[in-house]
Amino acid sequence: MTALLKRQYEGFLRTPQIFKNTALPNARIFETNEIIDINLSEKNFAKLEKHKFLGKRAEYFLLDYLESCNRYTNVLHSYQIHSEEKTIGELDFVCFDLLQQKWIHIELVFKLYVFTGDNQYDDFSHWIGPNLKDRLDYKIKKLKSHQIPLGQHKSILSKTKATEIESYICYKAKLFLKNTSVRLKSSKINQDCISGTYINIEEFKLLKHQKSLFYVPKKMDWICAATSNKHWYSFEKAEENLKLGSKEKRAKLVWQKTENGLISEYFVVWW
């Protein structure tokens, strides 16, 4: 397991849940608090190498976590639900919880959102991906109407020989506000998820004369903690990378380290 992959795994486990309490009926929050040896198995490493998307990467980290915990057994991953010879959906994870002595169903979501509204933080329609896709309210609607109910489908009950399966949601997120003076005022969103802010390319150019170093991580590294980064370069190199992202209409994450060693992260968006 490479050092970078370990940083990604650790970043995933330490990313907080987006909700203080579950915003989904019939589903509890699944936390990754069990102590494990963070060392991706060869089997899951081989599978992970085939997938470069951030969501899939998070999925294999959770799979490895469940398989590494003494608490969980009989782990089913990406279990397909069929009805009348058609696939109607897929369960992220189903496993047996030895501590609670019951089967559980876990849906995983790992997202980075920016807030595009004014101050109504509980209006989930204003939490959206940095490229203006993947709205939080749409994802919640899909979880409520389709993914969570699938955990009670007769086929998975038959597979596990269980009379009931309790559903959980593991919804990890990193959130970014408009500027550092904004404070999250929300009764539902977990403030521990606030990771930084977002600016546009013109605002980034104003940082040219700061005595700082920068790093623009690849998308699969967005899952890492900025403080774990070991490689830094000049403003000019970061700006060149960000100009390309702006031209291609792709937001990019930036890690910045001041001369005092203070590390921060923010998105530079194209819109």
C-alpha atoms as a PDB file:
ATOM      1  CA  MET A   1       0.000   0.000   0.000  1.00  0.00           C
ATOM      2  CA  THR A   2       1.525   3.309  -1.075  1.00  0.00           C
ATOM      3  CA  ALA A   3       1.908   6.276   1.269  1.00  0.00           C
ATOM      4  CA  LEU A   4      -0.479   8.312  -0.905  1.00  0.00           C
ATOM      5  CA  LEU A   5      -3.145   5.618  -0.824  1.00  0.00           C
ATOM      6  CA  LYS A   6      -2.831   5.432   2.953  1.00  0.00           C
ATOM      7  CA  ARG A   7      -3.351   9.216   3.158  1.00  0.00           C
ATOM      8  CA  GLN A   8      -6.485   8.842   1.032  1.00  0.00           C
ATOM      9  CA  TYR A   9      -7.785   6.016   3.226  1.00  0.00           C
ATOM     10  CA  GLU A  10      -7.121   8.026   6.405  1.00  0.00           C
ATOM     11  CA  GLY A  11      -8.757  11.091   4.852  1.00  0.00           C
ATOM     12  CA  PHE A  12     -11.859   9.073   4.049  1.00  0.00           C
ATOM     13  CA  LEU A  13     -12.177   7.614   7.556  1.00  0.00           C
ATOM     14  CA  ARG A  14     -11.726  11.023   9.207  1.00  0.00           C
ATOM     15  CA  THR A  15     -14.133  12.948   6.980  1.00  0.00           C
ATOM     16  CA  PRO A  16     -17.190  13.821   9.126  1.00  0.00           C
ATOM     17  CA  GLN A  17     -20.808  12.966   8.422  1.00  0.00           C
ATOM     18  CA  ILE A  18     -22.742  15.796   6.760  1.00  0.00           C
ATOM     19  CA  PHE A  19     -25.713  15.485   9.122  1.00  0.00           C
ATOM     20  CA  LYS A  20     -25.711  15.954  12.892  1.00  0.00           C
ATOM     21  CA  ASN A  21     -28.664  13.611  13.009  1.00  0.00           C
ATOM     22  CA  THR A  22     -30.003  11.620  10.126  1.00  0.00           C
ATOM     23  CA  ALA A  23     -32.132  13.647   7.722  1.00  0.00           C
ATOM     24  CA  LEU A  24     -33.467  10.432   6.240  1.00  0.00           C
ATOM     25  CA  PRO A  25     -36.420   8.493   7.630  1.00  0.00           C
ATOM     26  CA  ASN A  26     -35.854   4.803   8.309  1.00  0.00           C
ATOM     27  CA  ALA A  27     -32.061   5.149   8.300  1.00  0.00           C
ATOM     28  CA  ARG A  28     -29.488   5.683  11.032  1.00  0.00           C
ATOM     29  CA  ILE A  29     -26.020   7.232  10.680  1.00  0.00           C
ATOM     30  CA  PHE A  30     -23.134   4.821  10.183  1.00  0.00           C
ATOM     31  CA  GLU A  31     -19.861   6.016  11.711  1.00  0.00           C
ATOM     32  CA  THR A  32     -16.366   4.735  10.922  1.00  0.00           C
ATOM     33  CA  ASN A  33     -15.122   4.824  14.506  1.00  0.00           C
ATOM     34  CA  GLU A  34     -13.812   1.274  14.881  1.00  0.00           C
ATOM     35  CA  ILE A  35     -10.027   1.095  15.244  1.00  0.00           C
ATOM     36  CA  ILE A  36      -8.396  -0.765  12.351  1.00  0.00           C
ATOM     37  CA  ASP A  37      -4.976  -1.155  10.782  1.00  0.00           C
ATOM     38  CA  ILE A  38      -5.140   1.208   7.804  1.00  0.00           C
ATOM     39  CA  ASN A  39      -3.636  -1.118   5.249  1.00  0.00           C
ATOM     40  CA  LEU A  40      -5.713  -1.837   2.154  1.00  0.00           C
ATOM     41  CA  SER A  41      -5.831  -5.556   1.374  1.00  0.00           C
ATOM     42  CA  GLU A  42      -4.252  -6.805  -1.866  1.00  0.00           C
ATOM     43  CA  LYS A  43      -7.666  -7.925  -3.088  1.00  0.00           C
ATOM     44  CA  ASN A  44      -9.261  -4.505  -2.628  1.00  0.00           C
ATOM     45  CA  PHE A  45      -6.142  -2.728  -3.908  1.00  0.00           C
ATOM     46  CA  ALA A  46      -6.404  -4.674  -7.175  1.00  0.00           C
ATOM     47  CA  LYS A  47     -10.073  -3.695  -7.523  1.00  0.00           C
ATOM     48  CA  LEU A  48      -9.335  -0.081  -6.663  1.00  0.00           C
ATOM     49  CA  GLU A  49      -6.702   0.183  -9.372  1.00  0.00           C
ATOM     50  CA  LYS A  50      -9.464  -0.303 -11.960  1.00  0.00           C
ATOM     51  CA  HIS A  51     -11.419   2.709 -10.664  1.00  0.00           C
ATOM     52  CA  LYS A  52     -10.104   6.270 -10.690  1.00  0.00           C
ATOM     53  CA  PHE A  53     -13.330   7.987  -9.633  1.00  0.00           C
ATOM     54  CA  LEU A  54     -13.418   9.510  -6.153  1.00  0.00           C
ATOM     55  CA  GLY A  55     -16.752   7.901  -5.247  1.00  0.00           C
ATOM     56  CA  LYS A  56     -15.528   4.418  -6.138  1.00  0.00           C
ATOM     57  CA  ARG A  57     -12.330   5.017  -4.205  1.00  0.00           C
ATOM     58  CA  ALA A  58     -14.377   5.863  -1.107  1.00  0.00           C
ATOM     59  CA  GLU A  59     -16.482   2.753  -1.712  1.00  0.00           C
ATOM     60  CA  TYR A  60     -13.483   0.428  -1.648  1.00  0.00           C
ATOM     61  CA  PHE A  61     -12.141   2.137   1.458  1.00  0.00           C
ATOM     62  CA  LEU A  62     -15.411   1.414   3.259  1.00  0.00           C
ATOM     63  CA  LEU A  63     -15.406  -2.156   1.963  1.00  0.00           C
ATOM     64  CA  ASP A  64     -11.913  -2.669   3.332  1.00  0.00           C
ATOM     65  CA  TYR A  65     -12.916  -1.013   6.614  1.00  0.00           C
ATOM     66  CA  LEU A  66     -15.872  -3.379   7.079  1.00  0.00           C
ATOM     67  CA  GLU A  67     -13.761  -6.415   6.211  1.00  0.00           C
ATOM     68  CA  SER A  68     -10.994  -5.295   8.585  1.00  0.00           C
ATOM     69  CA  CYS A  69     -13.277  -4.720  11.575  1.00  0.00           C
ATOM     70  CA  ASN A  70     -13.857  -7.598  13.959  1.00  0.00           C
ATOM     71  CA  ARG A  71     -17.353  -6.229  14.440  1.00  0.00           C
ATOM     72  CA  TYR A  72     -18.697  -6.995  10.942  1.00  0.00           C
ATOM     73  CA  THR A  73     -18.920 -10.243   9.013  1.00  0.00           C
ATOM     74  CA  ASN A  74     -20.533 -11.685   5.863  1.00  0.00           C
ATOM     75  CA  VAL A  75     -19.979  -8.422   3.980  1.00  0.00           C
ATOM     76  CA  LEU A  76     -21.900  -8.109   0.707  1.00  0.00           C
ATOM     77  CA  HIS A  77     -20.757  -5.317  -1.621  1.00  0.00           C
ATOM     78  CA  SER A  78     -22.661  -3.879  -4.589  1.00  0.00           C
ATOM     79  CA  TYR A  79     -25.448  -6.392  -4.136  1.00  0.00           C
ATOM     80  CA  GLN A  80     -27.869  -6.187  -7.064  1.00  0.00           C
ATOM     81  CA  ILE A  81     -31.616  -6.308  -6.512  1.00  0.00           C
ATOM     82  CA  HIS A  82     -33.598  -7.975  -9.296  1.00  0.00           C
ATOM     83  CA  SER A  83     -37.316  -8.037 -10.006  1.00  0.00           C
ATOM     84  CA  GLU A  84     -38.897  -9.891 -12.902  1.00  0.00           C
ATOM     85  CA  GLU A  85     -35.494 -10.490 -14.520  1.00  0.00           C
ATOM     86  CA  LYS A  86     -34.599  -6.788 -14.367  1.00  0.00           C
ATOM     87  CA  THR A  87     -32.093  -5.056 -12.115  1.00  0.00           C
ATOM     88  CA  ILE A  88     -33.988  -2.423 -10.123  1.00  0.00           C
ATOM     89  CA  GLY A  89     -31.141  -1.244  -7.953  1.00  0.00           C
ATOM     90  CA  GLU A  90     -28.006  -2.013  -6.012  1.00  0.00           C
ATOM     91  CA  LEU A  91     -27.196  -2.010  -2.299  1.00  0.00           C
ATOM     92  CA  ASP A  92     -23.800  -0.535  -1.451  1.00  0.00           C
ATOM     93  CA  PHE A  93     -23.197  -2.815   1.537  1.00  0.00           C
ATOM     94  CA  VAL A  94     -25.001  -5.428   3.589  1.00  0.00           C
ATOM     95  CA  CYS A  95     -23.288  -7.112   6.524  1.00  0.00           C
ATOM     96  CA  PHE A  96     -23.899  -8.731   9.884  1.00  0.00           C
ATOM     97  CA  ASP A  97     -23.167  -6.554  12.927  1.00  0.00           C
ATOM     98  CA  LEU A  98     -21.835  -8.885  15.610  1.00  0.00           C
ATOM     99  CA  LEU A  99     -22.169  -6.255  18.343  1.00  0.00           C
ATOM    100  CA  GLN A 100     -25.850  -5.631  17.670  1.00  0.00           C
ATOM    101  CA  GLN A 101     -26.483  -9.174  16.448  1.00  0.00           C
ATOM    102  CA  LYS A 102     -28.383  -8.083  13.353  1.00  0.00           C
ATOM    103  CA  TRP A 103     -28.034  -7.575   9.617  1.00  0.00           C
ATOM    104  CA  ILE A 104     -27.523  -3.996   8.468  1.00  0.00           C
ATOM    105  CA  HIS A 105     -27.646  -2.220   5.117  1.00  0.00           C
ATOM    106  CA  ILE A 106     -25.292   0.733   4.497  1.00  0.00           C
ATOM    107  CA  GLU A 107     -25.546   3.326   1.733  1.00  0.00           C
ATOM    108  CA  LEU A 108     -22.359   5.326   1.229  1.00  0.00           C
ATOM    109  CA  VAL A 109     -22.042   8.869  -0.114  1.00  0.00           C
ATOM    110  CA  PHE A 110     -18.806  10.879  -0.293  1.00  0.00           C
ATOM    111  CA  LYS A 111     -19.173  14.418  -1.656  1.00  0.00           C
ATOM    112  CA  LEU A 112     -17.594  17.853  -1.752  1.00  0.00           C
ATOM    113  CA  TYR A 113     -20.119  20.693  -1.842  1.00  0.00           C
ATOM    114  CA  VAL A 114     -19.989  24.475  -2.129  1.00  0.00           C
ATOM    115  CA  PHE A 115     -22.771  26.662  -0.742  1.00  0.00           C
ATOM    116  CA  THR A 116     -24.244  28.959  -3.420  1.00  0.00           C
ATOM    117  CA  GLY A 117     -27.077  30.555  -1.430  1.00  0.00           C
ATOM    118  CA  ASP A 118     -27.169  33.493   0.971  1.00  0.00           C
ATOM    119  CA  ASN A 119     -27.726  32.188   4.474  1.00  0.00           C
ATOM    120  CA  GLN A 120     -30.431  29.524   4.354  1.00  0.00           C
ATOM    121  CA  TYR A 121     -28.053  26.664   4.965  1.00  0.00           C
ATOM    122  CA  ASP A 122     -30.838  24.171   5.645  1.00  0.00           C
ATOM    123  CA  ASP A 123     -32.100  24.715   2.097  1.00  0.00           C
ATOM    124  CA  PHE A 124     -30.265  21.728   0.655  1.00  0.00           C
ATOM    125  CA  SER A 125     -30.778  22.935  -2.931  1.00  0.00           C
ATOM    126  CA  HIS A 126     -27.959  25.463  -2.373  1.00  0.00           C
ATOM    127  CA  TRP A 127     -25.387  22.792  -1.510  1.00  0.00           C
ATOM    128  CA  ILE A 128     -23.940  21.635  -4.818  1.00  0.00           C
ATOM    129  CA  GLY A 129     -20.777  20.154  -6.287  1.00  0.00           C
ATOM    130  CA  PRO A 130     -18.034  22.663  -7.254  1.00  0.00           C
ATOM    131  CA  ASN A 131     -18.839  22.110 -10.948  1.00  0.00           C
ATOM    132  CA  LEU A 132     -22.526  22.932 -10.288  1.00  0.00           C
ATOM    133  CA  LYS A 133     -23.661  19.305 -10.374  1.00  0.00           C
ATOM    134  CA  ASP A 134     -24.645  16.763  -7.701  1.00  0.00           C
ATOM    135  CA  ARG A 135     -27.092  18.813  -5.641  1.00  0.00           C
ATOM    136  CA  LEU A 136     -27.552  17.673  -2.058  1.00  0.00           C
ATOM    137  CA  ASP A 137     -31.364  17.824  -2.194  1.00  0.00           C
ATOM    138  CA  TYR A 138     -31.474  15.561  -5.257  1.00  0.00           C
ATOM    139  CA  LYS A 139     -29.245  12.993  -3.555  1.00  0.00           C
ATOM    140  CA  ILE A 140     -31.387  12.993  -0.415  1.00  0.00           C
ATOM    141  CA  LYS A 141     -34.527  12.526  -2.512  1.00  0.00           C
ATOM    142  CA  LYS A 142     -32.996   9.526  -4.285  1.00  0.00           C
ATOM    143  CA  LEU A 143     -31.862   7.968  -1.014  1.00  0.00           C
ATOM    144  CA  LYS A 144     -35.318   8.405   0.529  1.00  0.00           C
ATOM    145  CA  SER A 145     -37.348   7.188  -2.421  1.00  0.00           C
ATOM    146  CA  HIS A 146     -35.180   4.398  -3.784  1.00  0.00           C
ATOM    147  CA  GLN A 147     -31.912   3.389  -2.160  1.00  0.00           C
ATOM    148  CA  ILE A 148     -32.940   3.117   1.497  1.00  0.00           C
ATOM    149  CA  PRO A 149     -36.196   1.192   0.819  1.00  0.00           C
ATOM    150  CA  LEU A 150     -34.248  -1.370  -1.251  1.00  0.00           C
ATOM    151  CA  GLY A 151     -32.697  -2.570   1.993  1.00  0.00           C
ATOM    152  CA  GLN A 152     -36.005  -4.245   2.826  1.00  0.00           C
ATOM    153  CA  HIS A 153     -36.465  -5.941  -0.547  1.00  0.00           C
ATOM    154  CA  LYS A 154     -37.516  -9.580  -0.344  1.00  0.00           C
ATOM    155  CA  SER A 155     -34.466 -10.768  -2.289  1.00  0.00           C
ATOM    156  CA  ILE A 156     -31.941  -9.464   0.262  1.00  0.00           C
ATOM    157  CA  LEU A 157     -34.081 -10.717   3.140  1.00  0.00           C
ATOM    158  CA  SER A 158     -34.071 -14.128   1.481  1.00  0.00           C
ATOM    159  CA  LYS A 159     -30.301 -13.965   0.850  1.00  0.00           C
ATOM    160  CA  THR A 160     -29.507 -13.162   4.491  1.00  0.00           C
ATOM    161  CA  LYS A 161     -32.362 -15.243   5.965  1.00  0.00           C
ATOM    162  CA  ALA A 162     -33.261 -12.181   8.016  1.00  0.00           C
ATOM    163  CA  THR A 163     -36.763 -11.025   8.920  1.00  0.00           C
ATOM    164  CA  GLU A 164     -35.595  -7.400   8.987  1.00  0.00           C
ATOM    165  CA  ILE A 165     -32.524  -5.425   7.949  1.00  0.00           C
ATOM    166  CA  GLU A 166     -31.813  -2.042   9.498  1.00  0.00           C
ATOM    167  CA  SER A 167     -30.641   0.669   7.059  1.00  0.00           C
ATOM    168  CA  TYR A 168     -27.801   3.097   7.710  1.00  0.00           C
ATOM    169  CA  ILE A 169     -26.402   6.028   5.760  1.00  0.00           C
ATOM    170  CA  CYS A 170     -22.702   6.924   5.728  1.00  0.00           C
ATOM    171  CA  TYR A 171     -22.788  10.415   4.187  1.00  0.00           C
ATOM    172  CA  LYS A 172     -19.312  11.924   4.422  1.00  0.00           C
ATOM    173  CA  ALA A 173     -18.730  15.411   3.041  1.00  0.00           C
ATOM    174  CA  LYS A 174     -16.322  18.324   2.839  1.00  0.00           C
ATOM    175  CA  LEU A 175     -18.108  21.683   2.643  1.00  0.00           C
ATOM    176  CA  PHE A 176     -16.916  25.034   1.301  1.00  0.00           C
ATOM    177  CA  LEU A 177     -18.436  28.484   1.982  1.00  0.00           C
ATOM    178  CA  LYS A 178     -18.159  31.753   0.044  1.00  0.00           C
ATOM    179  CA  ASN A 179     -15.571  33.348   2.311  1.00  0.00           C
ATOM    180  CA  THR A 180     -13.940  33.035   5.721  1.00  0.00           C
ATOM    181  CA  SER A 181     -16.251  35.626   7.319  1.00  0.00           C
ATOM    182  CA  VAL A 182     -19.323  33.477   6.659  1.00  0.00           C
ATOM    183  CA  ARG A 183     -20.434  31.290   9.543  1.00  0.00           C
ATOM    184  CA  LEU A 184     -22.574  28.231   9.028  1.00  0.00           C
ATOM    185  CA  LYS A 185     -25.971  28.715  10.650  1.00  0.00           C
ATOM    186  CA  SER A 186     -27.741  25.409  10.374  1.00  0.00           C
ATOM    187  CA  SER A 187     -29.715  23.085  12.549  1.00  0.00           C
ATOM    188  CA  LYS A 188     -29.100  20.064  10.300  1.00  0.00           C
ATOM    189  CA  ILE A 189     -25.694  20.406   8.646  1.00  0.00           C
ATOM    190  CA  ASN A 190     -22.673  19.302  10.686  1.00  0.00           C
ATOM    191  CA  GLN A 191     -20.303  22.276  11.059  1.00  0.00           C
ATOM    192  CA  ASP A 192     -17.358  19.901  11.427  1.00  0.00           C
ATOM    193  CA  CYS A 193     -17.654  19.313   7.667  1.00  0.00           C
ATOM    194  CA  ILE A 194     -16.614  22.885   6.849  1.00  0.00           C
ATOM    195  CA  SER A 195     -13.231  22.531   5.141  1.00  0.00           C
ATOM    196  CA  GLY A 196     -12.688  25.935   3.577  1.00  0.00           C
ATOM    197  CA  THR A 197     -13.970  28.452   1.067  1.00  0.00           C
ATOM    198  CA  TYR A 198     -14.200  28.932  -2.685  1.00  0.00           C
ATOM    199  CA  ILE A 199     -12.985  31.725  -4.979  1.00  0.00           C
ATOM    200  CA  ASN A 200     -12.673  32.324  -8.721  1.00  0.00           C
ATOM    201  CA  ILE A 201      -9.479  32.515 -10.774  1.00  0.00           C
ATOM    202  CA  GLU A 202      -9.335  36.334 -10.619  1.00  0.00           C
ATOM    203  CA  GLU A 203      -9.521  36.236  -6.827  1.00  0.00           C
ATOM    204  CA  PHE A 204      -6.778  33.629  -6.792  1.00  0.00           C
ATOM    205  CA  LYS A 205      -4.489  35.939  -8.778  1.00  0.00           C
ATOM    206  CA  LEU A 206      -4.640  38.428  -5.902  1.00  0.00           C
ATOM    207  CA  LEU A 207      -2.671  35.928  -3.798  1.00  0.00           C
ATOM    208  CA  LYS A 208       0.409  36.284  -6.028  1.00  0.00           C
ATOM    209  CA  HIS A 209       2.417  38.385  -3.614  1.00  0.00           C
ATOM    210  CA  GLN A 210       1.664  36.357  -0.525  1.00  0.00           C
ATOM    211  CA  LYS A 211       4.596  34.454   0.925  1.00  0.00           C
ATOM    212  CA  SER A 212       2.935  31.095   0.454  1.00  0.00           C
ATOM    213  CA  LEU A 213       3.439  27.775  -1.262  1.00  0.00           C
ATOM    214  CA  PHE A 214       0.679  25.958  -3.132  1.00  0.00           C
ATOM    215  CA  TYR A 215      -0.420  22.561  -4.351  1.00  0.00           C
ATOM    216  CA  VAL A 216      -3.264  21.616  -6.718  1.00  0.00           C
ATOM    217  CA  PRO A 217      -4.124  17.976  -5.941  1.00  0.00           C
ATOM    218  CA  LYS A 218      -5.584  15.539  -8.441  1.00  0.00           C
ATOM    219  CA  LYS A 219      -9.277  14.821  -7.937  1.00  0.00           C
ATOM    220  CA  MET A 220      -8.689  11.396  -6.365  1.00  0.00           C
ATOM    221  CA  ASP A 221      -6.571  13.181  -3.718  1.00  0.00           C
ATOM    222  CA  TRP A 222      -9.380  15.552  -2.698  1.00  0.00           C
ATOM    223  CA  ILE A 223     -10.244  12.906  -0.136  1.00  0.00           C
ATOM    224  CA  CYS A 224      -6.933  13.580   1.673  1.00  0.00           C
ATOM    225  CA  ALA A 225      -6.443  16.031   4.517  1.00  0.00           C
ATOM    226  CA  ALA A 226      -4.589  19.117   3.277  1.00  0.00           C
ATOM    227  CA  THR A 227      -2.311  18.935   6.329  1.00  0.00           C
ATOM    228  CA  SER A 228      -0.994  15.557   5.165  1.00  0.00           C
ATOM    229  CA  ASN A 229       0.492  17.031   1.964  1.00  0.00           C
ATOM    230  CA  LYS A 230       4.296  16.892   1.592  1.00  0.00           C
ATOM    231  CA  HIS A 231       4.764  18.500  -1.843  1.00  0.00           C
ATOM    232  CA  TRP A 232       4.491  22.258  -2.460  1.00  0.00           C
ATOM    233  CA  TYR A 233       5.324  24.583  -5.343  1.00  0.00           C
ATOM    234  CA  SER A 234       5.165  28.209  -6.442  1.00  0.00           C
ATOM    235  CA  PHE A 235       2.182  30.439  -7.092  1.00  0.00           C
ATOM    236  CA  GLU A 236       3.067  30.540 -10.798  1.00  0.00           C
ATOM    237  CA  LYS A 237       2.893  26.779 -11.206  1.00  0.00           C
ATOM    238  CA  ALA A 238      -0.419  26.628  -9.331  1.00  0.00           C
ATOM    239  CA  GLU A 239      -1.826  29.466 -11.454  1.00  0.00           C
ATOM    240  CA  GLU A 240      -0.890  27.675 -14.677  1.00  0.00           C
ATOM    241  CA  ASN A 241      -2.726  24.554 -13.495  1.00  0.00           C
ATOM    242  CA  LEU A 242      -5.786  26.552 -12.433  1.00  0.00           C
ATOM    243  CA  LYS A 243      -6.009  28.505 -15.711  1.00  0.00           C
ATOM    244  CA  LEU A 244      -6.332  25.208 -17.549  1.00  0.00           C
ATOM    245  CA  GLY A 245      -9.114  24.133 -15.191  1.00  0.00           C
ATOM    246  CA  SER A 246     -10.929  27.415 -15.695  1.00  0.00           C
ATOM    247  CA  LYS A 247     -10.659  27.103 -19.488  1.00  0.00           C
ATOM    248  CA  GLU A 248     -12.073  23.569 -19.333  1.00  0.00           C
ATOM    249  CA  LYS A 249     -14.767  24.624 -16.828  1.00  0.00           C
ATOM    250  CA  ARG A 250     -13.457  22.377 -14.093  1.00  0.00           C
ATOM    251  CA  ALA A 251     -13.184  23.552 -10.509  1.00  0.00           C
ATOM    252  CA  LYS A 252      -9.942  22.634  -8.773  1.00  0.00           C
ATOM    253  CA  LEU A 253      -9.009  22.231  -5.155  1.00  0.00           C
ATOM    254  CA  VAL A 254      -6.025  24.188  -3.839  1.00  0.00           C
ATOM    255  CA  TRP A 255      -3.928  23.603  -0.741  1.00  0.00           C
ATOM    256  CA  GLN A 256      -1.976  26.622   0.503  1.00  0.00           C
ATOM    257  CA  LYS A 257       0.767  26.863   3.130  1.00  0.00           C
ATOM    258  CA  THR A 258       1.825  30.230   4.525  1.00  0.00           C
ATOM    259  CA  GLU A 259       5.361  31.097   5.637  1.00  0.00           C
ATOM    260  CA  ASN A 260       4.158  30.454   9.196  1.00  0.00           C
ATOM    261  CA  GLY A 261       3.159  26.921   8.231  1.00  0.00           C
ATOM    262  CA  LEU A 262      -0.611  27.517   8.315  1.00  0.00           C
ATOM    263  CA  ILE A 263      -2.326  25.190   5.845  1.00  0.00           C
ATOM    264  CA  SER A 264      -5.722  25.869   4.273  1.00  0.00           C
ATOM    265  CA  GLU A 265      -7.779  24.483   1.390  1.00  0.00           C
ATOM    266  CA  TYR A 266     -10.237  26.081  -0.997  1.00  0.00           C
ATOM    267  CA  PHE A 267     -11.802  25.600  -4.385  1.00  0.00           C
ATOM    268  CA  VAL A 268     -11.007  27.781  -7.355  1.00  0.00           C
ATOM    269  CA  VAL A 269     -14.181  27.659  -9.443  1.00  0.00           C
ATOM    270  CA  TRP A 270     -14.667  28.571 -13.095  1.00  0.00           C
ATOM    271  CA  TRP A 271     -18.112  30.159 -12.771  1.00  0.00           C
END
